[in-house]
């Protein structure tokens, strides 16, 4: 077939003489690690020289490359497959740029791979690879030296013939980080956190419905203490009838279903309350060895690869074998995260002016010379203006990138959420010049349409991306931990924010200090505007003491 440079690392086969990209390199390291309780996935990687040839031929595949991909598909059989981007500038294992994460910025596809005609299956696979290449080439965020590799592997999971049609999904998917910067007083941040869901992993890395978060992994907070987001009502599954065409939408082969469509006998083993999956059996009771297995995997990676990292994983049990035995993990992605040094900051006690002072944040350090504040007014914004606001944010960010400037943002709700009832959806690349992003508790502002929440102290579920906020304090003597869950840690958006040390704060309107100047646009009817500080501002973010201020320093 004329393809030279085939390399084999355990279950990973790399075709071509180019680079395997970030995801490919991460899977190679995982395969070399010999993880306990985790099986290796047979993985095929098309190195970056395939991308080079595709571009040189004017978005066409070389005949020899088509034949190779045909042989890969024949070797993998007719099991559902993942076709995933593996750019050289992602996953923290970048060739050219230190600590480039770019989580979720490149598209990937899940394919049923079950059509009776092998030619149709091949055509859909080639289409998926072409869409990944084209999307990457059209993305202005990466550098000219960055290239794309492709990872192809079978998807471990369950075939379920539901009332909504035949679907396929992992029993449990998850994202786990080795370090949890928002641990409670009685928790060790080094124990990390996990974000887990029944069904396909899109439920964990997107932010469009609640799923379960474990904080921390070794000593998770009991689900019954969560006042919001006690479980999962929806899940993602691969639609096994979408086995022919592919138009380029990453989720076009997926279905988002209510959990009532899932097999009741399977989901009740996870923990079920009414029609809400709690996953309490796995998290609290270590059913199928889930919690202890995840602990061992995280400890092994920390000891053999890096202290700060993120993994994406799936977890399945063999339902054909009774009694059921412990489940099996597959680690499908490794992302290396920068290890921050946290030391308390010396914040000026009497600055010339204080624009903002808050007590809930992630990120650490000092940013000086900030000239602009981009504000989406929580008093005037409504979700029917979402698209125009997103366009405005992206355009301003582009101008700041061209002028090599940083700025701060104040926005209502969860920035980056795909749920329009929760906040404004943006890709990280549309706000990557922001030095700091502050989310405002819009429900206190008098806005007409916050989602109701029984027993809420603020009136609605709008709020922070932070995993937990303490309501009323916490001590070891308290019989009941009063926490409220905002769980989105582990999403693609938050992973990018964390990896770049972008300051990210939550403004509690009744508790924090916020200068009304931020809500004084030239046009009093505009919900989106840019303000210029009278003199460049400085941002101090002290995550050790959980304090962040935006000030004008004394000359």
Protein backbone atom coordinates (compact mmCIF):
# COMPACT_ATOMS: atom_id res chain seq x y z
CA UNK A 1 0.00 0.00 0.00
CA UNK A 2 3.04 2.24 0.01
CA UNK A 3 2.63 3.54 3.59
CA UNK A 4 5.96 3.52 5.40
CA UNK A 5 6.76 4.06 9.04
CA UNK A 6 4.25 1.79 10.79
CA UNK A 7 4.96 1.85 14.54
CA UNK A 8 3.47 -0.31 17.26
CA UNK A 9 3.24 0.59 20.95
CA UNK A 10 1.25 -2.07 22.76
CA UNK A 11 -2.32 -1.73 21.40
CA UNK A 12 -1.59 1.54 19.55
CA UNK A 13 -0.55 1.33 15.89
CA UNK A 14 0.71 4.54 14.26
CA UNK A 15 0.64 4.71 10.46
CA UNK A 16 2.90 7.16 8.66
CA UNK A 17 6.08 9.02 9.48
CA UNK A 18 4.48 12.12 10.96
CA UNK A 19 3.42 12.87 14.51
CA UNK A 20 0.56 11.12 16.37
CA UNK A 21 -0.83 14.41 17.73
CA UNK A 22 -1.82 15.17 21.33
CA UNK A 23 -4.49 12.50 21.83
CA UNK A 24 -2.38 9.88 20.06
CA UNK A 25 0.68 10.68 22.16
CA UNK A 26 -1.43 10.55 25.32
CA UNK A 27 -2.81 7.12 24.44
CA UNK A 28 0.70 5.87 23.77
CA UNK A 29 1.75 6.95 27.26
CA UNK A 30 -1.35 5.36 28.79
CA UNK A 31 -0.60 2.08 26.99
CA UNK A 32 2.95 2.11 28.33
CA UNK A 33 1.66 2.72 31.86
CA UNK A 34 -0.01 -0.69 32.46
CA UNK A 35 -2.94 0.72 34.42
CA UNK A 36 -4.69 -1.45 36.99
CA UNK A 37 -8.39 -2.24 36.37
CA UNK A 38 -8.14 -0.74 32.87
CA UNK A 39 -8.09 -2.60 29.57
CA UNK A 40 -6.27 -1.24 26.55
CA UNK A 41 -8.27 -0.29 23.46
CA UNK A 42 -6.98 -1.38 20.03
CA UNK A 43 -6.16 2.02 18.54
CA UNK A 44 -5.10 3.10 15.05
CA UNK A 45 -3.48 6.50 14.50
CA UNK A 46 -3.14 8.21 11.13
CA UNK A 47 -0.08 10.41 11.62
CA UNK A 48 0.08 14.02 10.47
CA UNK A 49 1.55 13.18 7.04
CA UNK A 50 -1.92 11.91 6.03
CA UNK A 51 -3.21 15.43 6.75
CA UNK A 52 -0.35 16.92 4.71
CA UNK A 53 -1.19 14.78 1.68
CA UNK A 54 -4.91 15.57 1.99
CA UNK A 55 -4.13 19.29 1.92
CA UNK A 56 -1.59 19.01 -0.89
CA UNK A 57 -4.14 17.16 -3.04
CA UNK A 58 -6.76 19.87 -2.59
CA UNK A 59 -8.89 18.19 0.12
CA UNK A 60 -8.68 14.81 -1.59
CA UNK A 61 -7.40 11.50 -0.22
CA UNK A 62 -4.51 9.72 -1.90
CA UNK A 63 -5.46 6.31 -3.28
CA UNK A 64 -2.91 4.57 -1.06
CA UNK A 65 -4.39 6.27 2.02
CA UNK A 66 -7.90 5.11 1.14
CA UNK A 67 -6.67 1.54 0.80
CA UNK A 68 -4.91 1.72 4.16
CA UNK A 69 -8.02 3.09 5.89
CA UNK A 70 -10.06 0.33 4.23
CA UNK A 71 -7.72 -2.27 5.74
CA UNK A 72 -7.97 -0.61 9.18
CA UNK A 73 -11.75 -0.75 9.02
CA UNK A 74 -11.67 -4.38 7.96
CA UNK A 75 -9.36 -5.19 10.87
CA UNK A 76 -11.59 -3.40 13.41
CA UNK A 77 -14.71 -5.24 12.25
CA UNK A 78 -18.22 -3.83 12.49
CA UNK A 79 -18.18 -2.56 16.09
CA UNK A 80 -19.01 1.14 16.64
CA UNK A 81 -15.91 3.29 16.29
CA UNK A 82 -14.68 6.67 17.45
CA UNK A 83 -12.92 8.86 14.88
CA UNK A 84 -11.22 11.56 16.88
CA UNK A 85 -9.08 14.60 16.20
CA UNK A 86 -5.52 14.49 17.48
CA UNK A 87 -3.94 17.85 16.71
CA UNK A 88 -0.32 18.56 17.51
CA UNK A 89 -1.38 21.58 19.60
CA UNK A 90 -3.70 19.86 22.08
CA UNK A 91 -3.88 17.67 25.20
CA UNK A 92 -0.88 19.28 26.90
CA UNK A 93 1.47 17.09 24.86
CA UNK A 94 2.00 19.64 22.11
CA UNK A 95 5.00 19.61 19.82
CA UNK A 96 5.31 23.35 19.29
CA UNK A 97 3.47 25.08 22.15
CA UNK A 98 3.88 24.45 25.86
CA UNK A 99 0.73 23.45 27.69
CA UNK A 100 -1.60 23.78 24.73
CA UNK A 101 -4.83 22.03 25.70
CA UNK A 102 -7.49 23.13 23.16
CA UNK A 103 -10.10 20.81 24.67
CA UNK A 104 -13.18 20.47 22.49
CA UNK A 105 -11.95 22.90 19.83
CA UNK A 106 -11.55 20.21 17.18
CA UNK A 107 -14.44 18.01 16.09
CA UNK A 108 -14.62 14.23 16.39
CA UNK A 109 -17.23 11.67 15.36
CA UNK A 110 -18.74 8.47 16.70
CA UNK A 111 -19.87 6.09 13.93
CA UNK A 112 -22.24 3.08 14.13
CA UNK A 113 -20.06 1.21 11.60
CA UNK A 114 -22.84 -1.35 11.18
CA UNK A 115 -24.07 -0.88 7.61
CA UNK A 116 -24.19 -4.25 5.78
CA UNK A 117 -22.27 -2.76 2.83
CA UNK A 118 -18.55 -2.32 3.70
CA UNK A 119 -18.30 0.39 1.02
CA UNK A 120 -20.89 2.51 2.84
CA UNK A 121 -19.08 2.08 6.15
CA UNK A 122 -15.81 3.12 4.49
CA UNK A 123 -17.44 6.14 2.86
CA UNK A 124 -18.78 7.36 6.22
CA UNK A 125 -15.38 6.87 7.86
CA UNK A 126 -13.60 8.77 5.07
CA UNK A 127 -16.19 11.53 5.38
CA UNK A 128 -15.53 11.78 9.14
CA UNK A 129 -11.77 12.11 8.59
CA UNK A 130 -12.31 14.71 5.87
CA UNK A 131 -14.61 16.79 8.08
CA UNK A 132 -12.03 16.74 10.90
CA UNK A 133 -9.27 17.86 8.51
CA UNK A 134 -11.42 20.61 6.96
CA UNK A 135 -12.62 21.95 10.31
CA UNK A 136 -9.06 22.12 11.62
CA UNK A 137 -7.75 23.82 8.49
CA UNK A 138 -10.49 26.45 8.73
CA UNK A 139 -9.83 27.19 12.40
CA UNK A 140 -7.76 30.38 12.73
CA UNK A 141 -6.84 29.72 16.37
CA UNK A 142 -3.99 27.31 15.71
CA UNK A 143 -0.59 28.16 14.21
CA UNK A 144 0.57 27.34 10.71
CA UNK A 145 2.95 24.74 12.07
CA UNK A 146 0.17 22.79 13.80
CA UNK A 147 -1.18 19.70 12.06
CA UNK A 148 -3.84 17.07 12.56
CA UNK A 149 -3.56 13.35 13.22
CA UNK A 150 -6.54 10.99 13.53
CA UNK A 151 -7.27 8.41 16.26
CA UNK A 152 -9.56 5.51 15.35
CA UNK A 153 -10.68 2.95 17.91
CA UNK A 154 -13.67 0.75 18.82
CA UNK A 155 -16.04 2.15 21.46
CA UNK A 156 -16.50 -0.12 24.49
CA UNK A 157 -20.17 -0.13 25.43
CA UNK A 158 -23.69 -1.57 25.34
CA UNK A 159 -26.11 -2.11 22.47
CA UNK A 160 -29.61 -1.16 23.68
CA UNK A 161 -32.76 -1.66 21.59
CA UNK A 162 -34.84 1.18 23.05
CA UNK A 163 -38.30 2.49 22.17
CA UNK A 164 -36.44 5.34 20.45
CA UNK A 165 -34.58 2.85 18.26
CA UNK A 166 -31.30 0.94 18.57
CA UNK A 167 -28.57 2.90 20.35
CA UNK A 168 -25.10 2.20 21.67
CA UNK A 169 -23.31 3.81 24.61
CA UNK A 170 -20.73 3.18 27.34
CA UNK A 171 -22.39 2.23 30.62
CA UNK A 172 -20.61 5.10 32.38
CA UNK A 173 -18.38 7.84 30.97
CA UNK A 174 -16.31 10.30 32.92
CA UNK A 175 -13.70 13.02 33.15
CA UNK A 176 -11.32 12.97 36.12
CA UNK A 177 -8.69 15.50 37.20
CA UNK A 178 -5.87 14.78 39.61
CA UNK A 179 -6.13 18.16 41.34
CA UNK A 180 -9.25 19.88 42.67
CA UNK A 181 -8.65 23.58 43.39
CA UNK A 182 -12.05 24.12 45.04
CA UNK A 183 -11.98 21.44 47.72
CA UNK A 184 -13.89 22.01 50.96
CA UNK A 185 -12.00 22.60 54.19
CA UNK A 186 -12.06 18.92 55.10
CA UNK A 187 -10.97 17.71 51.67
CA UNK A 188 -7.55 17.31 50.11
CA UNK A 189 -7.36 19.04 46.70
CA UNK A 190 -4.78 16.44 45.64
CA UNK A 191 -7.53 13.80 45.69
CA UNK A 192 -8.91 15.34 42.52
CA UNK A 193 -12.46 15.27 41.20
CA UNK A 194 -14.49 13.41 38.61
CA UNK A 195 -17.52 14.29 36.50
CA UNK A 196 -19.41 11.17 35.53
CA UNK A 197 -22.54 10.24 33.62
CA UNK A 198 -24.55 7.31 32.38
CA UNK A 199 -24.14 6.98 28.62
CA UNK A 200 -21.82 8.61 26.16
CA UNK A 201 -19.11 11.03 27.29
CA UNK A 202 -20.62 14.08 25.58
CA UNK A 203 -22.74 14.35 28.72
CA UNK A 204 -19.61 15.05 30.77
CA UNK A 205 -17.63 17.40 28.53
CA UNK A 206 -20.58 19.50 27.34
CA UNK A 207 -22.78 21.54 29.67
CA UNK A 208 -26.40 21.16 28.64
CA UNK A 209 -27.91 19.06 31.45
CA UNK A 210 -26.85 18.12 35.00
CA UNK A 211 -24.69 15.08 35.66
CA UNK A 212 -22.91 13.79 38.77
CA UNK A 213 -19.67 15.25 40.10
CA UNK A 214 -17.44 13.61 42.69
CA UNK A 215 -15.46 15.97 44.84
CA UNK A 216 -13.18 14.56 45.83
CA UNK A 217 -12.66 11.11 44.33
CA UNK A 218 -11.43 9.39 47.47
CA UNK A 219 -13.97 11.01 49.81
CA UNK A 220 -16.91 12.12 47.68
CA UNK A 221 -19.69 14.21 49.20
CA UNK A 222 -22.85 12.09 49.52
CA UNK A 223 -25.36 12.77 46.76
CA UNK A 224 -28.13 13.35 49.33
CA UNK A 225 -26.35 16.51 50.49
CA UNK A 226 -26.55 18.11 47.07
CA UNK A 227 -29.31 20.74 46.93
CA UNK A 228 -29.11 21.11 43.16
CA UNK A 229 -28.27 18.63 40.45
CA UNK A 230 -28.99 15.43 42.43
CA UNK A 231 -28.77 13.28 39.35
CA UNK A 232 -29.08 12.81 35.63
CA UNK A 233 -32.31 12.79 33.61
CA UNK A 234 -30.87 12.65 30.08
CA UNK A 235 -28.10 10.75 28.34
CA UNK A 236 -26.26 10.69 25.04
CA UNK A 237 -26.21 7.54 22.91
CA UNK A 238 -24.99 6.65 19.44
CA UNK A 239 -27.92 6.29 17.02
CA UNK A 240 -27.22 3.00 15.26
CA UNK A 241 -29.46 3.95 12.33
CA UNK A 242 -27.24 6.91 11.38
CA UNK A 243 -24.88 4.67 9.46
CA UNK A 244 -24.74 6.22 5.99
CA UNK A 245 -24.13 9.92 5.39
CA UNK A 246 -22.18 12.41 7.48
CA UNK A 247 -22.64 16.14 6.99
CA UNK A 248 -20.09 17.52 9.46
CA UNK A 249 -22.08 18.14 12.66
CA UNK A 250 -20.18 16.46 15.48
CA UNK A 251 -23.38 15.32 17.21
CA UNK A 252 -25.37 14.25 14.14
CA UNK A 253 -24.92 10.54 14.89
CA UNK A 254 -25.89 10.99 18.53
CA UNK A 255 -29.26 11.00 20.30
CA UNK A 256 -30.04 12.85 23.52
CA UNK A 257 -32.66 10.75 25.30
CA UNK A 258 -34.52 10.86 28.58
CA UNK A 259 -33.36 8.10 30.91
CA UNK A 260 -36.79 6.47 30.71
CA UNK A 261 -35.67 5.13 27.32
CA UNK A 262 -32.76 3.29 28.91
CA UNK A 263 -32.90 -0.28 30.19
CA UNK A 264 -34.39 0.02 33.68
CA UNK A 265 -32.62 -3.09 35.01
CA UNK A 266 -29.25 -1.64 34.02
CA UNK A 267 -29.68 1.91 35.29
CA UNK A 268 -31.12 0.87 38.66
CA UNK A 269 -27.74 -0.74 39.40
CA UNK A 270 -26.17 2.71 39.24
CA UNK A 271 -28.53 4.28 41.75
CA UNK A 272 -31.97 5.53 40.76
CA UNK A 273 -34.38 7.94 42.39
CA UNK A 274 -37.63 8.15 40.45
CA UNK A 275 -36.53 8.91 36.92
CA UNK A 276 -33.20 10.44 37.97
CA UNK A 277 -29.94 8.49 37.87
CA UNK A 278 -27.87 9.33 40.95
CA UNK A 279 -24.93 6.93 40.33
CA UNK A 280 -24.85 6.76 44.13
CA UNK A 281 -24.21 3.01 44.06
CA UNK A 282 -20.94 3.56 42.20
CA UNK A 283 -19.82 6.66 44.07
CA UNK A 284 -20.88 5.88 47.64
CA UNK A 285 -21.02 2.10 47.72
CA UNK A 286 -18.21 1.26 45.30
CA UNK A 287 -20.55 -0.96 43.30
CA UNK A 288 -18.66 -3.00 40.66
CA UNK A 289 -15.42 -1.62 42.16
CA UNK A 290 -15.93 1.74 40.46
CA UNK A 291 -14.60 4.17 43.09
CA UNK A 292 -11.62 2.08 44.18
CA UNK A 293 -10.79 1.28 40.57
CA UNK A 294 -10.77 4.95 39.61
CA UNK A 295 -8.60 5.75 42.64
CA UNK A 296 -6.00 3.16 41.60
CA UNK A 297 -5.93 4.42 38.01
CA UNK A 298 -5.44 8.03 39.11
CA UNK A 299 -2.72 7.08 41.61
CA UNK A 300 -0.85 5.04 39.00
CA UNK A 301 -0.87 7.83 36.41
CA UNK A 302 0.26 10.35 39.05
CA UNK A 303 3.17 8.10 40.02
CA UNK A 304 4.30 7.14 36.51
CA UNK A 305 3.41 10.04 34.20
CA UNK A 306 2.55 13.40 35.81
CA UNK A 307 1.12 14.90 38.99
CA UNK A 308 -1.44 17.16 37.29
CA UNK A 309 -3.50 15.60 34.53
CA UNK A 310 -6.97 14.90 33.23
CA UNK A 311 -8.31 11.64 31.82
CA UNK A 312 -11.45 10.77 29.92
CA UNK A 313 -12.63 7.23 30.57
CA UNK A 314 -15.46 4.76 30.09
CA UNK A 315 -16.60 2.04 32.48
CA UNK A 316 -18.53 -1.09 31.53
CA UNK A 317 -19.66 -4.32 33.13
CA UNK A 318 -20.43 -7.63 31.46
CA UNK A 319 -24.21 -8.00 31.70
CA UNK A 320 -24.07 -11.45 30.11
CA UNK A 321 -22.21 -12.89 33.07
CA UNK A 322 -24.08 -13.39 36.35
CA UNK A 323 -23.44 -12.68 39.11
CA UNK A 324 -22.00 -9.42 37.83
CA UNK A 325 -18.31 -8.94 38.44
CA UNK A 326 -16.30 -5.76 38.86
CA UNK A 327 -16.45 -3.44 35.89
CA UNK A 328 -13.66 -2.61 33.46
CA UNK A 329 -12.27 0.85 32.73
CA UNK A 330 -10.87 2.08 29.43
CA UNK A 331 -8.91 5.35 29.47
CA UNK A 332 -9.66 7.02 26.14
CA UNK A 333 -7.69 10.26 26.58
CA UNK A 334 -4.88 11.70 28.68
CA UNK A 335 -4.34 15.45 28.98
CA UNK A 336 -1.37 16.84 30.88
CA UNK A 337 -2.14 19.98 32.89
CA UNK A 338 0.36 22.61 34.07
CA UNK A 339 1.29 22.32 37.71
CA UNK A 340 0.70 25.65 39.41
CA UNK A 341 2.67 26.98 42.37
CA UNK A 342 0.23 28.50 44.86
CA UNK A 343 1.56 31.09 47.32
CA UNK A 344 -0.46 33.81 49.04
CA UNK A 345 -0.32 37.15 47.25
CA UNK A 346 0.51 40.51 48.78
CA UNK A 347 -2.56 42.49 47.70
CA UNK A 348 -2.24 46.29 48.21
CA UNK A 349 -4.39 47.18 51.24
CA UNK A 350 -5.24 50.74 50.09
CA UNK A 351 -5.35 50.94 46.30
CA UNK A 352 -6.28 54.08 44.41
CA UNK A 353 -9.61 52.48 43.50
CA UNK A 354 -11.26 49.09 43.85
CA UNK A 355 -13.48 48.02 40.97
CA UNK A 356 -14.24 44.50 42.16
CA UNK A 357 -13.58 42.30 45.17
CA UNK A 358 -14.88 38.72 45.35
CA UNK A 359 -14.36 35.59 47.43
CA UNK A 360 -14.85 32.71 44.96
CA UNK A 361 -12.40 32.10 42.15
CA UNK A 362 -10.07 29.75 40.35
CA UNK A 363 -6.70 30.70 38.90
CA UNK A 364 -3.79 32.36 40.66
CA UNK A 365 -1.46 35.27 40.03
CA UNK A 366 -1.34 38.92 38.96
CA UNK A 367 -2.34 40.54 35.66
CA UNK A 368 -1.35 44.18 35.14
CA UNK A 369 -2.10 46.67 32.40
CA UNK A 370 -5.72 45.64 31.71
CA UNK A 371 -7.34 48.47 29.76
CA UNK A 372 -10.80 47.17 28.85
CA UNK A 373 -13.79 45.52 30.47
CA UNK A 374 -16.29 43.65 28.29
CA UNK A 375 -19.66 43.56 30.03
CA UNK A 376 -22.86 41.67 29.27
CA UNK A 377 -25.35 43.37 31.57
CA UNK A 378 -27.27 40.87 33.71
CA UNK A 379 -29.98 43.51 34.01
CA UNK A 380 -30.58 43.81 30.26
CA UNK A 381 -29.46 40.52 28.72
CA UNK A 382 -32.07 37.96 27.70
CA UNK A 383 -31.50 34.70 25.90
CA UNK A 384 -33.26 35.89 22.73
CA UNK A 385 -30.21 38.15 22.25
CA UNK A 386 -27.79 35.26 22.63
CA UNK A 387 -26.53 35.05 19.05
CA UNK A 388 -25.82 38.76 18.62
CA UNK A 389 -24.03 38.88 21.98
CA UNK A 390 -21.91 35.85 21.13
CA UNK A 391 -20.96 37.43 17.79
CA UNK A 392 -20.00 40.65 19.57
CA UNK A 393 -17.87 38.82 22.13
CA UNK A 394 -16.00 36.88 19.44
CA UNK A 395 -15.37 40.00 17.36
CA UNK A 396 -14.01 41.98 20.32
CA UNK A 397 -11.81 39.06 21.33
CA UNK A 398 -10.44 38.91 17.77
CA UNK A 399 -9.49 42.60 17.93
CA UNK A 400 -7.78 42.09 21.27
CA UNK A 401 -5.83 39.15 19.83
CA UNK A 402 -4.64 41.28 16.92
CA UNK A 403 -3.49 44.05 19.28
CA UNK A 404 -1.99 41.54 21.77
CA UNK A 405 -4.15 42.87 24.61
CA UNK A 406 -5.88 41.18 27.51
CA UNK A 407 -9.19 42.26 29.01
CA UNK A 408 -11.68 41.22 31.68
CA UNK A 409 -15.26 40.04 31.22
CA UNK A 410 -18.40 40.26 33.35
CA UNK A 411 -21.19 37.98 32.12
CA UNK A 412 -24.45 36.57 33.47
CA UNK A 413 -24.73 32.84 34.10
CA UNK A 414 -22.37 30.13 32.93
CA UNK A 415 -20.18 31.30 30.08
CA UNK A 416 -19.55 28.41 27.69
CA UNK A 417 -22.70 26.46 28.54
CA UNK A 418 -24.60 24.91 25.64
CA UNK A 419 -27.82 25.31 27.58
CA UNK A 420 -29.26 28.76 26.77
CA UNK A 421 -31.15 28.72 30.07
CA UNK A 422 -27.83 28.58 31.92
CA UNK A 423 -25.73 31.15 30.14
CA UNK A 424 -24.01 32.28 26.94
CA UNK A 425 -22.39 29.65 24.77
CA UNK A 426 -18.97 30.51 23.36
CA UNK A 427 -16.03 28.39 22.29
CA UNK A 428 -12.93 28.99 24.35
CA UNK A 429 -11.20 30.38 21.25
CA UNK A 430 -13.78 33.19 21.22
CA UNK A 431 -12.66 34.45 24.67
CA UNK A 432 -9.06 33.27 24.81
CA UNK A 433 -7.70 36.82 25.23
CA UNK A 434 -9.63 37.34 28.47
CA UNK A 435 -7.31 37.71 31.46
CA UNK A 436 -10.25 37.22 33.82
CA UNK A 437 -13.88 36.16 33.49
CA UNK A 438 -16.41 36.97 36.20
CA UNK A 439 -19.85 35.37 36.28
CA UNK A 440 -22.62 37.42 37.83
CA UNK A 441 -25.50 35.92 39.85
CA UNK A 442 -28.13 37.09 37.42
CA UNK A 443 -31.10 35.87 39.42
CA UNK A 444 -30.52 38.53 42.09
CA UNK A 445 -30.50 41.28 39.48
CA UNK A 446 -34.23 41.26 39.01
CA UNK A 447 -34.13 39.46 35.69
CA UNK A 448 -37.46 37.98 34.73
CA UNK A 449 -36.48 34.48 33.66
CA UNK A 450 -34.14 32.67 36.06
CA UNK A 451 -34.91 28.99 36.48
CA UNK A 452 -36.72 28.38 39.79
CA UNK A 453 -35.10 26.30 42.48
CA UNK A 454 -36.85 25.18 45.63
CA UNK A 455 -35.14 26.38 48.77
CA UNK A 456 -32.72 28.59 46.86
CA UNK A 457 -31.10 31.49 48.65
CA UNK A 458 -30.68 33.38 45.39
CA UNK A 459 -33.83 32.54 43.46
CA UNK A 460 -32.56 30.46 40.57
CA UNK A 461 -29.94 28.10 39.19
CA UNK A 462 -27.93 30.73 37.34
CA UNK A 463 -24.51 31.08 38.87
CA UNK A 464 -20.97 29.88 38.73
CA UNK A 465 -19.10 27.14 36.94
CA UNK A 466 -17.62 26.31 40.35
CA UNK A 467 -18.35 22.86 41.63
CA UNK A 468 -19.39 23.81 45.17
CA UNK A 469 -20.25 26.96 47.01
CA UNK A 470 -20.70 26.89 50.76
CA UNK A 471 -23.98 28.27 52.07
CA UNK A 472 -23.94 29.08 55.76
CA UNK A 473 -20.44 27.77 56.43
CA UNK A 474 -19.06 24.33 57.13
CA UNK A 475 -17.33 22.68 60.06
CA UNK A 476 -16.61 19.10 61.06
CA UNK A 477 -19.13 19.38 63.89
CA UNK A 478 -22.02 20.14 61.60
CA UNK A 479 -24.25 17.15 61.04
CA UNK A 480 -25.20 18.27 57.56
CA UNK A 481 -22.96 19.82 54.96
CA UNK A 482 -24.73 22.74 53.38
CA UNK A 483 -23.49 22.80 49.85
CA UNK A 484 -24.93 23.77 46.56
CA UNK A 485 -23.75 22.17 43.37
CA UNK A 486 -22.93 24.11 40.22
CA UNK A 487 -21.08 21.16 38.74
CA UNK A 488 -19.39 21.86 35.43
CA UNK A 489 -15.78 21.14 36.33
CA UNK A 490 -14.35 18.78 33.73
CA UNK A 491 -16.15 20.33 30.77
CA UNK A 492 -14.07 21.27 27.74
CA UNK A 493 -14.55 24.97 28.43
CA UNK A 494 -13.38 24.77 32.05
CA UNK A 495 -10.43 22.55 31.11
CA UNK A 496 -9.18 25.24 28.73
CA UNK A 497 -9.73 27.96 31.33
CA UNK A 498 -7.82 26.01 33.96
CA UNK A 499 -4.93 25.08 31.67
CA UNK A 500 -4.29 28.71 30.66
CA UNK A 501 -4.66 30.03 34.23
CA UNK A 502 -7.41 32.38 33.18
CA UNK A 503 -8.83 33.91 36.35
CA UNK A 504 -12.41 32.79 36.76
CA UNK A 505 -14.60 34.24 39.45
CA UNK A 506 -18.15 34.18 40.72
CA UNK A 507 -19.75 37.47 41.79
CA UNK A 508 -22.25 36.98 44.60
CA UNK A 509 -24.26 40.22 44.25
CA UNK A 510 -25.30 40.38 47.90
CA UNK A 511 -21.85 39.56 49.29
CA UNK A 512 -19.16 40.87 46.95
CA UNK A 513 -18.05 44.37 46.02
CA UNK A 514 -18.74 45.52 42.47
CA UNK A 515 -18.34 49.08 41.23
CA UNK A 516 -21.56 50.32 39.54
CA UNK A 517 -19.25 51.78 36.88
CA UNK A 518 -19.39 48.38 35.17
CA UNK A 519 -23.09 48.98 34.49
CA UNK A 520 -22.76 52.46 32.99
CA UNK A 521 -22.66 52.06 29.21
CA UNK A 522 -22.95 55.00 26.83
CA UNK A 523 -26.18 53.45 25.55
CA UNK A 524 -28.39 52.66 28.52
CA UNK A 525 -30.38 50.13 26.46
CA UNK A 526 -27.39 48.07 25.36
CA UNK A 527 -26.86 44.72 27.08
CA UNK A 528 -23.40 44.27 25.54
CA UNK A 529 -20.67 46.93 25.67
CA UNK A 530 -16.97 47.58 26.22
CA UNK A 531 -15.67 50.02 28.84
CA UNK A 532 -12.18 51.50 29.12
CA UNK A 533 -10.65 51.88 32.56
CA UNK A 534 -9.58 55.48 33.41
CA UNK A 535 -6.13 54.00 33.99
CA UNK A 536 -4.99 50.43 33.34
CA UNK A 537 -6.25 48.07 36.04
CA UNK A 538 -4.48 45.28 37.89
CA UNK A 539 -6.08 41.96 38.77
CA UNK A 540 -4.89 40.07 41.86
CA UNK A 541 -6.20 36.48 42.06
CA UNK A 542 -5.25 34.74 45.30
CA UNK A 543 -6.69 31.24 45.26
CA UNK A 544 -4.88 30.39 48.51
CA UNK A 545 -7.07 32.83 50.42
CA UNK A 546 -9.93 32.78 47.88
CA UNK A 547 -9.84 36.49 47.15
CA UNK A 548 -9.74 38.33 43.84
CA UNK A 549 -9.63 42.10 43.34
CA UNK A 550 -9.56 44.40 40.33
CA UNK A 551 -7.91 47.66 41.33
CA UNK A 552 -6.25 50.83 40.12
CA UNK A 553 -2.88 50.79 41.83
CA UNK A 554 -1.40 53.87 43.46
CA UNK A 555 1.15 55.56 41.24
